[in-house]
Amino acid sequence: MRHALFLAALAGVAVTAIAAIAPAEASYHLIRWQDSGFCQVWDENVPSMPYPSNYTVIENSMVPTFGDALAVKDSLVRRGTCAF
């Protein structure tokens, strides 16, 4: 039993190390829900689409980091393009 736990822990450490070494090339954009005007940061690496499908992608909102996407969202909220 101890050997199985040790192997499971070793496999977890190996997966974590590989994930930490591989650079994440995340890209984010903003979507705006048509019924409420609410804007949301959407991660392009998510393999599914937002649900429900009553949203539009805000043009020129593709940014490399989540922090940059929040800054874009903040500026759009201040301009009145997005509701919170």
C-alpha atoms as a PDB file:
ATOM      1  CA  MET A   1       0.000   0.000   0.000  1.00  0.00           C
ATOM      2  CA  ARG A   2       2.839   2.378   0.791  1.00  0.00           C
ATOM      3  CA  HIS A   3       4.422   1.749  -2.591  1.00  0.00           C
ATOM      4  CA  ALA A   4       1.203   2.657  -4.387  1.00  0.00           C
ATOM      5  CA  LEU A   5       0.892   5.912  -2.453  1.00  0.00           C
ATOM      6  CA  PHE A   6       4.544   6.715  -3.131  1.00  0.00           C
ATOM      7  CA  LEU A   7       4.105   6.102  -6.863  1.00  0.00           C
ATOM      8  CA  ALA A   8       0.963   8.241  -6.955  1.00  0.00           C
ATOM      9  CA  ALA A   9       2.757  11.071  -5.165  1.00  0.00           C
ATOM     10  CA  LEU A  10       5.739  10.761  -7.499  1.00  0.00           C
ATOM     11  CA  ALA A  11       3.456  10.915 -10.546  1.00  0.00           C
ATOM     12  CA  GLY A  12       1.765  14.039  -9.148  1.00  0.00           C
ATOM     13  CA  VAL A  13       5.106  15.751  -8.619  1.00  0.00           C
ATOM     14  CA  ALA A  14       6.209  14.846 -12.160  1.00  0.00           C
ATOM     15  CA  VAL A  15       3.033  16.262 -13.718  1.00  0.00           C
ATOM     16  CA  THR A  16       3.365  19.441 -11.670  1.00  0.00           C
ATOM     17  CA  ALA A  17       6.999  19.872 -12.693  1.00  0.00           C
ATOM     18  CA  ILE A  18       6.180  19.428 -16.367  1.00  0.00           C
ATOM     19  CA  ALA A  19       3.318  21.922 -16.122  1.00  0.00           C
ATOM     20  CA  ALA A  20       5.579  24.457 -14.400  1.00  0.00           C
ATOM     21  CA  ILE A  21       8.298  24.127 -17.033  1.00  0.00           C
ATOM     22  CA  ALA A  22       6.012  24.434 -20.061  1.00  0.00           C
ATOM     23  CA  PRO A  23       5.250  28.086 -20.812  1.00  0.00           C
ATOM     24  CA  ALA A  24       1.583  28.878 -20.890  1.00  0.00           C
ATOM     25  CA  GLU A  25       0.554  30.769 -23.981  1.00  0.00           C
ATOM     26  CA  ALA A  26      -2.796  31.902 -22.769  1.00  0.00           C
ATOM     27  CA  SER A  27      -4.788  34.458 -24.641  1.00  0.00           C
ATOM     28  CA  TYR A  28      -7.866  36.166 -23.344  1.00  0.00           C
ATOM     29  CA  HIS A  29     -10.587  38.292 -24.854  1.00  0.00           C
ATOM     30  CA  LEU A  30     -13.713  40.003 -23.634  1.00  0.00           C
ATOM     31  CA  ILE A  31     -17.217  38.898 -24.408  1.00  0.00           C
ATOM     32  CA  ARG A  32     -20.310  41.032 -23.849  1.00  0.00           C
ATOM     33  CA  TRP A  33     -23.620  39.425 -22.944  1.00  0.00           C
ATOM     34  CA  GLN A  34     -26.357  40.950 -25.091  1.00  0.00           C
ATOM     35  CA  ASP A  35     -29.180  40.818 -22.549  1.00  0.00           C
ATOM     36  CA  SER A  36     -27.359  42.429 -19.625  1.00  0.00           C
ATOM     37  CA  GLY A  37     -24.416  44.285 -21.173  1.00  0.00           C
ATOM     38  CA  PHE A  38     -22.123  42.533 -18.688  1.00  0.00           C
ATOM     39  CA  CYS A  39     -18.585  41.964 -19.991  1.00  0.00           C
ATOM     40  CA  GLN A  40     -16.598  38.884 -19.059  1.00  0.00           C
ATOM     41  CA  VAL A  41     -13.003  37.799 -19.598  1.00  0.00           C
ATOM     42  CA  TRP A  42     -12.917  34.596 -21.648  1.00  0.00           C
ATOM     43  CA  ASP A  43      -9.905  32.291 -21.850  1.00  0.00           C
ATOM     44  CA  GLU A  44      -9.196  31.078 -25.393  1.00  0.00           C
ATOM     45  CA  ASN A  45      -7.692  27.855 -24.007  1.00  0.00           C
ATOM     46  CA  VAL A  46     -11.081  26.687 -22.724  1.00  0.00           C
ATOM     47  CA  PRO A  47     -12.190  24.045 -25.238  1.00  0.00           C
ATOM     48  CA  SER A  48     -15.866  24.995 -25.073  1.00  0.00           C
ATOM     49  CA  MET A  49     -17.869  28.070 -25.973  1.00  0.00           C
ATOM     50  CA  PRO A  50     -19.686  30.278 -23.449  1.00  0.00           C
ATOM     51  CA  TYR A  51     -23.266  29.288 -22.695  1.00  0.00           C
ATOM     52  CA  PRO A  52     -25.803  30.627 -23.529  1.00  0.00           C
ATOM     53  CA  SER A  53     -24.750  31.855 -26.934  1.00  0.00           C
ATOM     54  CA  ASN A  54     -26.211  35.365 -26.657  1.00  0.00           C
ATOM     55  CA  TYR A  55     -22.841  37.119 -26.493  1.00  0.00           C
ATOM     56  CA  THR A  56     -20.577  39.056 -28.810  1.00  0.00           C
ATOM     57  CA  VAL A  57     -16.800  39.154 -28.803  1.00  0.00           C
ATOM     58  CA  ILE A  58     -15.521  42.678 -28.275  1.00  0.00           C
ATOM     59  CA  GLU A  59     -13.232  43.654 -31.143  1.00  0.00           C
ATOM     60  CA  ASN A  60      -9.546  44.277 -30.369  1.00  0.00           C
ATOM     61  CA  SER A  61      -9.849  42.818 -26.887  1.00  0.00           C
ATOM     62  CA  MET A  62      -7.413  39.891 -27.396  1.00  0.00           C
ATOM     63  CA  VAL A  63      -4.605  40.170 -24.839  1.00  0.00           C
ATOM     64  CA  PRO A  64      -1.939  37.712 -23.633  1.00  0.00           C
ATOM     65  CA  THR A  65      -2.569  37.823 -19.862  1.00  0.00           C
ATOM     66  CA  PHE A  66      -5.547  37.820 -17.534  1.00  0.00           C
ATOM     67  CA  GLY A  67      -4.346  41.039 -15.887  1.00  0.00           C
ATOM     68  CA  ASP A  68      -4.263  42.802 -19.243  1.00  0.00           C
ATOM     69  CA  ALA A  69      -7.796  41.581 -19.965  1.00  0.00           C
ATOM     70  CA  LEU A  70      -8.991  43.022 -16.651  1.00  0.00           C
ATOM     71  CA  ALA A  71      -7.391  46.366 -17.536  1.00  0.00           C
ATOM     72  CA  VAL A  72      -9.208  46.379 -20.898  1.00  0.00           C
ATOM     73  CA  LYS A  73     -12.468  45.493 -19.146  1.00  0.00           C
ATOM     74  CA  ASP A  74     -11.956  48.302 -16.639  1.00  0.00           C
ATOM     75  CA  SER A  75     -11.477  50.847 -19.414  1.00  0.00           C
ATOM     76  CA  LEU A  76     -14.610  49.611 -21.209  1.00  0.00           C
ATOM     77  CA  VAL A  77     -16.639  49.842 -18.003  1.00  0.00           C
ATOM     78  CA  ARG A  78     -15.417  53.411 -17.465  1.00  0.00           C
ATOM     79  CA  ARG A  79     -16.418  54.340 -21.031  1.00  0.00           C
ATOM     80  CA  GLY A  80     -19.865  52.791 -20.574  1.00  0.00           C
ATOM     81  CA  THR A  81     -19.393  50.096 -23.209  1.00  0.00           C
ATOM     82  CA  CYS A  82     -19.751  47.378 -20.592  1.00  0.00           C
ATOM     83  CA  ALA A  83     -21.903  47.088 -17.526  1.00  0.00           C
ATOM     84  CA  PHE A  84     -19.694  46.037 -14.635  1.00  0.00           C
END
